[in-house]
């Protein structure tokens, strides 16, 4: 199976400025929703995938992910532009988190950060969508079926980077 890392596309100058009211807030510290602010400009793109932090996604991506992996939890994040009286809803997702899917051939940089993500195929096959947490960084990984579904919908704000997947003994 092929896997892809879902990353934010750097749309400099095109993306609206989204900001969480409390960027240190944790997923399990909010019950139903969180709020933030946005300086809305209708000439700019409202992407479907934004890494603020946290990573937030549009309703379309949230629904697609839940179709593939029903155990994903979601909290609404409302971004408000007070001046223009507009509100945008994004979703903060809690994906299944695992380190067991990391293959021993994953490479690390001088500061311990992952420089090349390698997935252990037999452990990852139970997930369509998951995240790997390493040193306060989150790596979102999706399988080929989910990647194709995202691309068919013409969504924006992300890039897909193929991740090597190896069997345990490779």
N, C-alpha and C. Protein backbone atom coordinates (compact mmCIF):
# COMPACT_ATOMS: atom_id res chain seq x y z
N UNK A 1 0.85 -1.18 0.00
CA UNK A 1 0.00 0.00 0.00
C UNK A 1 0.89 1.23 0.00
N UNK A 2 0.47 2.25 -0.72
CA UNK A 2 1.20 3.52 -0.74
C UNK A 2 0.63 4.44 0.32
N UNK A 3 1.53 5.24 0.90
CA UNK A 3 1.15 6.21 1.92
C UNK A 3 1.71 7.57 1.54
N UNK A 4 1.03 8.61 2.02
CA UNK A 4 1.42 9.98 1.73
C UNK A 4 1.35 10.80 2.99
N UNK A 5 2.31 11.70 3.12
CA UNK A 5 2.25 12.66 4.22
C UNK A 5 1.48 13.87 3.71
N UNK A 6 0.52 14.30 4.49
CA UNK A 6 -0.30 15.45 4.17
C UNK A 6 0.35 16.66 4.82
N UNK A 7 0.79 17.62 3.99
CA UNK A 7 1.48 18.81 4.48
C UNK A 7 0.78 20.06 3.98
N UNK A 8 0.96 21.14 4.71
CA UNK A 8 0.39 22.41 4.28
C UNK A 8 1.17 22.95 3.09
N UNK A 9 0.45 23.38 2.07
CA UNK A 9 1.08 24.04 0.93
C UNK A 9 1.39 25.47 1.34
N UNK A 10 2.54 25.94 0.97
CA UNK A 10 2.92 27.31 1.31
C UNK A 10 2.35 28.26 0.27
N UNK A 11 1.18 28.79 0.55
CA UNK A 11 0.48 29.67 -0.37
C UNK A 11 0.70 31.12 0.04
N UNK A 12 1.93 31.54 0.08
CA UNK A 12 2.28 32.87 0.54
C UNK A 12 1.49 33.93 -0.22
N UNK A 13 0.85 34.79 0.51
CA UNK A 13 0.10 35.87 -0.11
C UNK A 13 -1.30 35.49 -0.54
N UNK A 14 -1.61 34.21 -0.54
CA UNK A 14 -2.94 33.80 -0.97
C UNK A 14 -3.83 33.40 0.20
N UNK A 15 -3.22 32.93 1.26
CA UNK A 15 -3.97 32.39 2.39
C UNK A 15 -4.39 33.50 3.34
N UNK A 16 -5.62 33.40 3.83
CA UNK A 16 -6.06 34.33 4.87
C UNK A 16 -5.30 34.04 6.15
N UNK A 17 -5.12 35.04 6.97
CA UNK A 17 -4.40 34.88 8.22
C UNK A 17 -5.34 34.35 9.30
N UNK A 18 -5.20 33.09 9.61
CA UNK A 18 -6.00 32.46 10.65
C UNK A 18 -5.17 32.39 11.92
N UNK A 19 -5.76 32.74 13.04
CA UNK A 19 -5.04 32.72 14.31
C UNK A 19 -5.96 32.17 15.39
N UNK A 20 -5.46 31.23 16.16
CA UNK A 20 -6.21 30.72 17.31
C UNK A 20 -6.15 31.75 18.42
N UNK A 21 -7.22 31.85 19.18
CA UNK A 21 -7.22 32.77 20.30
C UNK A 21 -6.19 32.34 21.34
N UNK A 22 -6.10 31.05 21.60
CA UNK A 22 -5.10 30.52 22.52
C UNK A 22 -4.36 29.39 21.81
N UNK A 23 -3.22 29.68 21.16
CA UNK A 23 -2.53 28.66 20.37
C UNK A 23 -1.95 27.52 21.20
N UNK A 24 -1.89 27.67 22.52
CA UNK A 24 -1.38 26.59 23.37
C UNK A 24 -2.47 25.62 23.79
N UNK A 25 -3.70 25.92 23.42
CA UNK A 25 -4.83 25.09 23.79
C UNK A 25 -4.67 23.68 23.22
N UNK A 26 -4.99 22.68 24.02
CA UNK A 26 -4.90 21.28 23.62
C UNK A 26 -6.28 20.76 23.22
N UNK A 27 -6.30 19.75 22.35
CA UNK A 27 -7.56 19.20 21.85
C UNK A 27 -8.50 18.79 22.97
N UNK A 28 -7.97 18.07 23.97
CA UNK A 28 -8.83 17.59 25.04
C UNK A 28 -9.18 18.65 26.08
N UNK A 29 -8.69 19.88 25.90
CA UNK A 29 -9.05 20.97 26.80
C UNK A 29 -10.30 21.71 26.34
N UNK A 30 -10.74 21.43 25.13
CA UNK A 30 -11.96 22.08 24.65
C UNK A 30 -13.06 21.04 24.57
N UNK A 31 -14.28 21.44 24.87
CA UNK A 31 -15.38 20.50 24.87
C UNK A 31 -16.02 20.40 23.49
N UNK A 32 -16.50 21.47 22.96
CA UNK A 32 -17.19 21.44 21.69
C UNK A 32 -16.47 22.26 20.63
N UNK A 33 -16.00 23.44 21.00
CA UNK A 33 -15.41 24.29 19.97
C UNK A 33 -14.35 25.21 20.54
N UNK A 34 -13.59 25.80 19.63
CA UNK A 34 -12.59 26.80 19.97
C UNK A 34 -12.84 27.98 19.04
N UNK A 35 -12.19 29.10 19.34
CA UNK A 35 -12.37 30.27 18.48
C UNK A 35 -11.01 30.84 18.09
N UNK A 36 -11.05 31.60 17.03
CA UNK A 36 -9.86 32.27 16.55
C UNK A 36 -10.28 33.52 15.79
N UNK A 37 -9.33 34.14 15.13
CA UNK A 37 -9.67 35.32 14.36
C UNK A 37 -9.07 35.21 12.97
N UNK A 38 -9.67 35.92 12.07
CA UNK A 38 -9.22 35.91 10.69
C UNK A 38 -9.35 37.33 10.13
N UNK A 39 -8.41 37.71 9.30
CA UNK A 39 -8.55 38.95 8.54
C UNK A 39 -8.97 38.52 7.14
N UNK A 40 -10.27 38.54 6.89
CA UNK A 40 -10.81 38.01 5.66
C UNK A 40 -10.57 38.96 4.50
N UNK A 41 -10.12 38.40 3.41
CA UNK A 41 -9.94 39.13 2.17
C UNK A 41 -10.50 38.25 1.07
N UNK A 42 -11.59 38.68 0.44
CA UNK A 42 -12.26 37.83 -0.55
C UNK A 42 -11.39 37.52 -1.77
N UNK A 43 -10.31 38.26 -1.96
CA UNK A 43 -9.41 37.98 -3.08
C UNK A 43 -8.44 36.85 -2.75
N UNK A 44 -8.41 36.44 -1.50
CA UNK A 44 -7.50 35.38 -1.08
C UNK A 44 -8.24 34.05 -0.99
N UNK A 45 -7.48 33.00 -1.05
CA UNK A 45 -8.00 31.65 -1.01
C UNK A 45 -8.31 31.23 0.42
N UNK A 46 -9.43 30.57 0.62
CA UNK A 46 -9.73 29.94 1.90
C UNK A 46 -9.39 28.47 1.75
N UNK A 47 -8.22 28.07 2.19
CA UNK A 47 -7.77 26.68 1.97
C UNK A 47 -8.56 25.69 2.81
N UNK A 48 -8.51 24.44 2.38
CA UNK A 48 -9.19 23.36 3.08
C UNK A 48 -8.32 22.73 4.16
N UNK A 49 -7.02 23.01 4.13
CA UNK A 49 -6.07 22.43 5.08
C UNK A 49 -5.14 23.55 5.53
N UNK A 50 -5.10 23.80 6.85
CA UNK A 50 -4.26 24.88 7.38
C UNK A 50 -3.56 24.39 8.63
N UNK A 51 -2.26 24.60 8.70
CA UNK A 51 -1.48 24.27 9.88
C UNK A 51 -1.20 25.57 10.62
N UNK A 52 -1.97 25.82 11.68
CA UNK A 52 -1.89 27.12 12.36
C UNK A 52 -0.73 27.21 13.36
N UNK A 53 -0.38 26.39 14.30
CA UNK A 53 -0.99 25.17 14.77
C UNK A 53 -2.22 25.44 15.61
N UNK A 54 -3.11 24.50 15.78
CA UNK A 54 -3.06 23.13 15.30
C UNK A 54 -3.43 23.06 13.83
N UNK A 55 -3.41 21.86 13.29
CA UNK A 55 -3.88 21.65 11.93
C UNK A 55 -5.40 21.67 11.97
N UNK A 56 -5.99 22.48 11.10
CA UNK A 56 -7.45 22.52 10.98
C UNK A 56 -7.82 22.27 9.53
N UNK A 57 -9.00 21.69 9.33
CA UNK A 57 -9.44 21.33 7.99
C UNK A 57 -10.86 21.81 7.75
N UNK A 58 -11.21 21.89 6.47
CA UNK A 58 -12.56 22.28 6.08
C UNK A 58 -13.55 21.15 6.39
N UNK A 59 -14.81 21.48 6.30
CA UNK A 59 -15.86 20.50 6.52
C UNK A 59 -15.78 19.35 5.52
N UNK A 60 -15.39 19.65 4.29
CA UNK A 60 -15.28 18.61 3.25
C UNK A 60 -14.23 17.58 3.63
N UNK A 61 -13.07 18.03 4.08
CA UNK A 61 -12.02 17.08 4.49
C UNK A 61 -12.45 16.31 5.72
N UNK A 62 -13.07 16.99 6.67
CA UNK A 62 -13.53 16.30 7.88
C UNK A 62 -14.49 15.16 7.52
N UNK A 63 -15.47 15.43 6.68
CA UNK A 63 -16.44 14.40 6.29
C UNK A 63 -15.76 13.24 5.55
N UNK A 64 -14.85 13.57 4.67
CA UNK A 64 -14.12 12.54 3.91
C UNK A 64 -13.31 11.65 4.86
N UNK A 65 -12.58 12.26 5.79
CA UNK A 65 -11.78 11.50 6.74
C UNK A 65 -12.66 10.59 7.59
N UNK A 66 -13.81 11.11 8.04
CA UNK A 66 -14.70 10.30 8.88
C UNK A 66 -15.32 9.15 8.09
N UNK A 67 -15.49 9.32 6.78
CA UNK A 67 -15.97 8.22 5.94
C UNK A 67 -14.96 7.08 5.92
N UNK A 68 -13.70 7.41 5.92
CA UNK A 68 -12.65 6.40 5.88
C UNK A 68 -12.28 5.86 7.26
N UNK A 69 -12.37 6.71 8.27
CA UNK A 69 -11.95 6.32 9.61
C UNK A 69 -12.92 6.94 10.61
N UNK A 70 -13.92 6.18 11.00
CA UNK A 70 -15.03 6.70 11.81
C UNK A 70 -14.61 7.13 13.22
N UNK A 71 -13.49 6.63 13.74
CA UNK A 71 -13.10 6.94 15.12
C UNK A 71 -12.38 8.28 15.27
N UNK A 72 -12.31 9.07 14.22
CA UNK A 72 -11.69 10.39 14.30
C UNK A 72 -12.61 11.34 15.07
N UNK A 73 -12.06 12.02 16.05
CA UNK A 73 -12.82 13.02 16.80
C UNK A 73 -12.59 14.38 16.17
N UNK A 74 -13.60 15.25 16.28
CA UNK A 74 -13.49 16.58 15.67
C UNK A 74 -14.09 17.63 16.60
N UNK A 75 -13.43 18.78 16.63
CA UNK A 75 -13.93 19.95 17.36
C UNK A 75 -14.00 21.11 16.39
N UNK A 76 -15.09 21.83 16.43
CA UNK A 76 -15.24 22.98 15.55
C UNK A 76 -14.34 24.12 16.03
N UNK A 77 -13.75 24.82 15.09
CA UNK A 77 -12.98 26.03 15.38
C UNK A 77 -13.60 27.14 14.54
N UNK A 78 -14.11 28.15 15.21
CA UNK A 78 -14.78 29.25 14.53
C UNK A 78 -13.81 30.42 14.40
N UNK A 79 -13.56 30.84 13.18
CA UNK A 79 -12.71 31.99 12.93
C UNK A 79 -13.61 33.16 12.57
N UNK A 80 -13.42 34.25 13.31
CA UNK A 80 -14.30 35.41 13.15
C UNK A 80 -13.54 36.62 12.63
N UNK A 81 -14.15 37.32 11.69
CA UNK A 81 -13.68 38.62 11.25
C UNK A 81 -14.74 39.61 11.73
N UNK A 82 -14.43 40.28 12.83
CA UNK A 82 -15.38 41.17 13.49
C UNK A 82 -15.76 42.33 12.57
N UNK A 83 -14.77 42.93 11.92
CA UNK A 83 -15.02 44.09 11.07
C UNK A 83 -15.99 43.78 9.94
N UNK A 84 -15.81 42.64 9.28
CA UNK A 84 -16.66 42.31 8.14
C UNK A 84 -17.82 41.41 8.53
N UNK A 85 -17.93 41.08 9.79
CA UNK A 85 -19.01 40.24 10.32
C UNK A 85 -19.14 38.93 9.55
N UNK A 86 -18.00 38.24 9.42
CA UNK A 86 -17.97 36.94 8.75
C UNK A 86 -17.41 35.91 9.72
N UNK A 87 -17.89 34.69 9.54
CA UNK A 87 -17.41 33.59 10.37
C UNK A 87 -17.14 32.38 9.47
N UNK A 88 -16.03 31.70 9.75
CA UNK A 88 -15.65 30.51 9.00
C UNK A 88 -15.46 29.37 9.98
N UNK A 89 -15.94 28.19 9.60
CA UNK A 89 -15.84 27.03 10.46
C UNK A 89 -14.80 26.07 9.88
N UNK A 90 -13.85 25.72 10.70
CA UNK A 90 -12.87 24.68 10.38
C UNK A 90 -12.99 23.62 11.46
N UNK A 91 -12.30 22.51 11.25
CA UNK A 91 -12.36 21.39 12.20
C UNK A 91 -10.97 21.00 12.64
N UNK A 92 -10.81 20.91 13.94
CA UNK A 92 -9.59 20.43 14.56
C UNK A 92 -9.80 18.94 14.80
N UNK A 93 -9.05 18.11 14.11
CA UNK A 93 -9.24 16.67 14.17
C UNK A 93 -8.24 16.02 15.10
N UNK A 94 -8.71 15.02 15.80
CA UNK A 94 -7.84 14.18 16.62
C UNK A 94 -7.72 12.85 15.91
N UNK A 95 -6.63 12.68 15.18
CA UNK A 95 -6.40 11.45 14.43
C UNK A 95 -5.80 10.38 15.33
N UNK A 96 -5.98 9.10 14.98
CA UNK A 96 -5.28 8.07 15.74
C UNK A 96 -3.78 8.35 15.71
N UNK A 97 -3.14 8.32 16.87
CA UNK A 97 -1.71 8.61 16.97
C UNK A 97 -0.95 7.33 17.25
N UNK A 98 0.12 7.14 16.49
CA UNK A 98 0.93 5.95 16.67
C UNK A 98 2.39 6.25 16.40
N UNK A 99 3.26 5.56 17.10
CA UNK A 99 4.69 5.55 16.78
C UNK A 99 5.09 4.16 16.31
N UNK A 100 4.19 3.20 16.51
CA UNK A 100 4.46 1.83 16.12
C UNK A 100 4.61 1.67 14.61
N UNK A 101 4.06 2.60 13.85
CA UNK A 101 4.12 2.51 12.39
C UNK A 101 5.44 3.00 11.82
N UNK A 102 6.29 3.58 12.67
CA UNK A 102 7.59 4.03 12.19
C UNK A 102 8.51 2.83 11.94
N UNK A 103 9.08 2.78 10.77
CA UNK A 103 10.05 1.72 10.45
C UNK A 103 11.41 2.12 11.01
N UNK A 104 12.24 1.15 11.33
CA UNK A 104 13.56 1.44 11.89
C UNK A 104 14.46 2.19 10.91
N UNK A 105 14.10 2.22 9.63
CA UNK A 105 14.90 2.94 8.64
C UNK A 105 14.50 4.41 8.52
N UNK A 106 13.59 4.88 9.37
CA UNK A 106 13.29 6.30 9.45
C UNK A 106 14.58 7.01 9.83
N UNK A 107 14.88 8.12 9.16
CA UNK A 107 16.13 8.83 9.47
C UNK A 107 15.82 10.12 10.23
N UNK A 108 16.78 10.51 11.04
CA UNK A 108 16.62 11.66 11.94
C UNK A 108 17.76 12.65 11.71
N UNK A 109 17.46 13.93 11.93
CA UNK A 109 18.45 14.99 11.81
C UNK A 109 19.26 15.15 13.08
N UNK A 110 20.13 16.14 13.08
CA UNK A 110 21.02 16.39 14.21
C UNK A 110 20.27 16.72 15.50
N UNK A 111 19.12 17.36 15.39
CA UNK A 111 18.32 17.72 16.56
C UNK A 111 17.25 16.67 16.89
N UNK A 112 17.31 15.51 16.23
CA UNK A 112 16.36 14.44 16.50
C UNK A 112 15.09 14.50 15.69
N UNK A 113 14.95 15.51 14.83
CA UNK A 113 13.75 15.64 14.00
C UNK A 113 13.77 14.60 12.88
N UNK A 114 12.60 14.19 12.45
CA UNK A 114 12.51 13.21 11.36
C UNK A 114 12.88 13.90 10.05
N UNK A 115 13.86 13.35 9.34
CA UNK A 115 14.25 13.90 8.04
C UNK A 115 13.68 13.06 6.90
N UNK A 116 13.54 11.75 7.12
CA UNK A 116 12.85 10.90 6.15
C UNK A 116 11.96 9.94 6.90
N UNK A 117 10.66 10.10 6.66
CA UNK A 117 9.66 9.27 7.31
C UNK A 117 9.53 7.97 6.53
N UNK A 118 9.67 6.83 7.22
CA UNK A 118 9.50 5.52 6.60
C UNK A 118 8.48 4.76 7.45
N UNK A 119 7.45 4.25 6.78
CA UNK A 119 6.34 3.58 7.46
C UNK A 119 6.55 2.06 7.41
N UNK A 120 6.22 1.41 8.53
CA UNK A 120 6.25 -0.05 8.57
C UNK A 120 4.89 -0.54 8.07
N UNK A 121 4.88 -1.11 6.87
CA UNK A 121 3.65 -1.42 6.14
C UNK A 121 2.66 -2.30 6.89
N UNK A 122 3.14 -3.35 7.52
CA UNK A 122 2.19 -4.26 8.17
C UNK A 122 1.51 -3.65 9.39
N UNK A 123 2.13 -2.69 10.02
CA UNK A 123 1.50 -2.02 11.17
C UNK A 123 0.59 -0.87 10.73
N UNK A 124 0.88 -0.29 9.60
CA UNK A 124 0.08 0.84 9.11
C UNK A 124 -1.18 0.40 8.40
N UNK A 125 -1.26 -0.84 7.96
CA UNK A 125 -2.39 -1.27 7.14
C UNK A 125 -3.74 -1.20 7.85
N UNK A 126 -3.75 -1.15 9.17
CA UNK A 126 -5.02 -1.04 9.90
C UNK A 126 -5.60 0.38 9.87
N UNK A 127 -4.81 1.35 9.40
CA UNK A 127 -5.24 2.74 9.37
C UNK A 127 -5.38 3.23 7.93
N UNK A 128 -6.39 4.03 7.70
CA UNK A 128 -6.48 4.80 6.46
C UNK A 128 -5.82 6.16 6.66
N UNK A 129 -5.97 6.65 7.89
CA UNK A 129 -5.49 7.99 8.27
C UNK A 129 -4.92 7.88 9.67
N UNK A 130 -3.72 8.42 9.89
CA UNK A 130 -3.17 8.43 11.23
C UNK A 130 -2.12 9.53 11.33
N UNK A 131 -1.68 9.77 12.55
CA UNK A 131 -0.63 10.75 12.75
C UNK A 131 0.47 10.14 13.61
N UNK A 132 1.66 10.64 13.35
CA UNK A 132 2.82 10.25 14.15
C UNK A 132 3.27 11.50 14.87
N UNK A 133 3.35 11.43 16.20
CA UNK A 133 3.82 12.57 16.99
C UNK A 133 5.27 12.30 17.35
N UNK A 134 6.11 13.27 17.03
CA UNK A 134 7.53 13.15 17.34
C UNK A 134 8.07 14.54 17.66
N UNK A 135 8.57 14.75 18.87
CA UNK A 135 9.15 16.03 19.29
C UNK A 135 8.24 17.23 18.99
N UNK A 136 7.04 17.20 19.47
CA UNK A 136 6.08 18.29 19.28
C UNK A 136 5.73 18.56 17.82
N UNK A 137 6.04 17.64 16.93
CA UNK A 137 5.66 17.74 15.53
C UNK A 137 4.67 16.62 15.23
N UNK A 138 3.69 16.95 14.40
CA UNK A 138 2.71 15.96 13.99
C UNK A 138 2.87 15.70 12.50
N UNK A 139 2.94 14.44 12.15
CA UNK A 139 3.06 14.03 10.76
C UNK A 139 1.76 13.29 10.41
N UNK A 140 0.94 13.90 9.54
CA UNK A 140 -0.31 13.28 9.13
C UNK A 140 -0.02 12.37 7.94
N UNK A 141 -0.47 11.13 8.05
CA UNK A 141 -0.22 10.15 7.00
C UNK A 141 -1.56 9.57 6.55
N UNK A 142 -1.73 9.46 5.23
CA UNK A 142 -2.95 8.90 4.66
C UNK A 142 -2.57 7.84 3.63
N UNK A 143 -3.47 6.90 3.40
CA UNK A 143 -3.17 5.89 2.39
C UNK A 143 -3.61 6.37 1.00
N UNK A 144 -3.31 5.58 0.00
CA UNK A 144 -3.57 5.96 -1.39
C UNK A 144 -5.04 6.24 -1.66
N UNK A 145 -5.94 5.44 -1.11
CA UNK A 145 -7.37 5.64 -1.35
C UNK A 145 -7.83 7.01 -0.85
N UNK A 146 -7.39 7.40 0.33
CA UNK A 146 -7.76 8.70 0.89
C UNK A 146 -7.14 9.82 0.05
N UNK A 147 -5.88 9.65 -0.35
CA UNK A 147 -5.20 10.65 -1.18
C UNK A 147 -5.95 10.87 -2.49
N UNK A 148 -6.36 9.80 -3.14
CA UNK A 148 -7.10 9.93 -4.40
C UNK A 148 -8.43 10.64 -4.19
N UNK A 149 -9.10 10.33 -3.08
CA UNK A 149 -10.37 10.99 -2.77
C UNK A 149 -10.20 12.49 -2.55
N UNK A 150 -9.12 12.88 -1.87
CA UNK A 150 -8.84 14.30 -1.66
C UNK A 150 -8.61 15.00 -3.00
N UNK A 151 -7.80 14.38 -3.84
CA UNK A 151 -7.46 15.01 -5.13
C UNK A 151 -8.65 15.12 -6.06
N UNK A 152 -9.55 14.15 -6.03
CA UNK A 152 -10.74 14.20 -6.89
C UNK A 152 -11.65 15.36 -6.55
N UNK A 153 -11.59 15.84 -5.34
CA UNK A 153 -12.49 16.90 -4.90
C UNK A 153 -11.96 18.31 -5.16
N UNK A 154 -10.76 18.41 -5.66
CA UNK A 154 -10.21 19.72 -5.99
C UNK A 154 -9.99 20.62 -4.78
N UNK A 155 -9.61 20.04 -3.68
CA UNK A 155 -9.40 20.81 -2.45
C UNK A 155 -8.05 21.51 -2.49
N UNK A 156 -7.86 22.48 -1.59
CA UNK A 156 -6.63 23.27 -1.63
C UNK A 156 -5.99 23.39 -0.26
N UNK A 157 -4.75 23.89 -0.28
CA UNK A 157 -4.04 24.17 0.96
C UNK A 157 -3.09 23.08 1.40
N UNK A 158 -2.99 22.01 0.64
CA UNK A 158 -2.12 20.92 1.05
C UNK A 158 -1.33 20.38 -0.14
N UNK A 159 -0.28 19.68 0.22
CA UNK A 159 0.47 18.89 -0.76
C UNK A 159 0.57 17.48 -0.21
N UNK A 160 0.73 16.54 -1.11
CA UNK A 160 0.92 15.15 -0.72
C UNK A 160 2.33 14.74 -1.06
N UNK A 161 3.05 14.24 -0.08
CA UNK A 161 4.41 13.78 -0.29
C UNK A 161 4.46 12.28 -0.01
N UNK A 162 4.85 11.51 -1.02
CA UNK A 162 4.87 10.06 -0.84
C UNK A 162 5.85 9.66 0.25
N UNK A 163 5.43 8.70 1.06
CA UNK A 163 6.23 8.19 2.17
C UNK A 163 6.62 6.76 1.84
N UNK A 164 7.88 6.44 2.02
CA UNK A 164 8.33 5.05 1.81
C UNK A 164 7.65 4.16 2.83
N UNK A 165 7.19 2.99 2.35
CA UNK A 165 6.65 2.00 3.28
C UNK A 165 7.37 0.69 3.01
N UNK A 166 7.87 0.09 4.07
CA UNK A 166 8.65 -1.14 3.97
C UNK A 166 8.07 -2.19 4.89
N UNK A 167 8.30 -3.44 4.55
CA UNK A 167 7.92 -4.54 5.44
C UNK A 167 8.91 -4.54 6.61
N UNK A 168 8.57 -5.21 7.68
CA UNK A 168 9.39 -5.21 8.89
C UNK A 168 10.83 -5.66 8.61
N UNK A 169 10.99 -6.70 7.79
CA UNK A 169 12.30 -7.27 7.59
C UNK A 169 13.09 -6.63 6.43
N UNK A 170 12.56 -5.57 5.84
CA UNK A 170 13.28 -4.91 4.74
C UNK A 170 14.30 -3.92 5.27
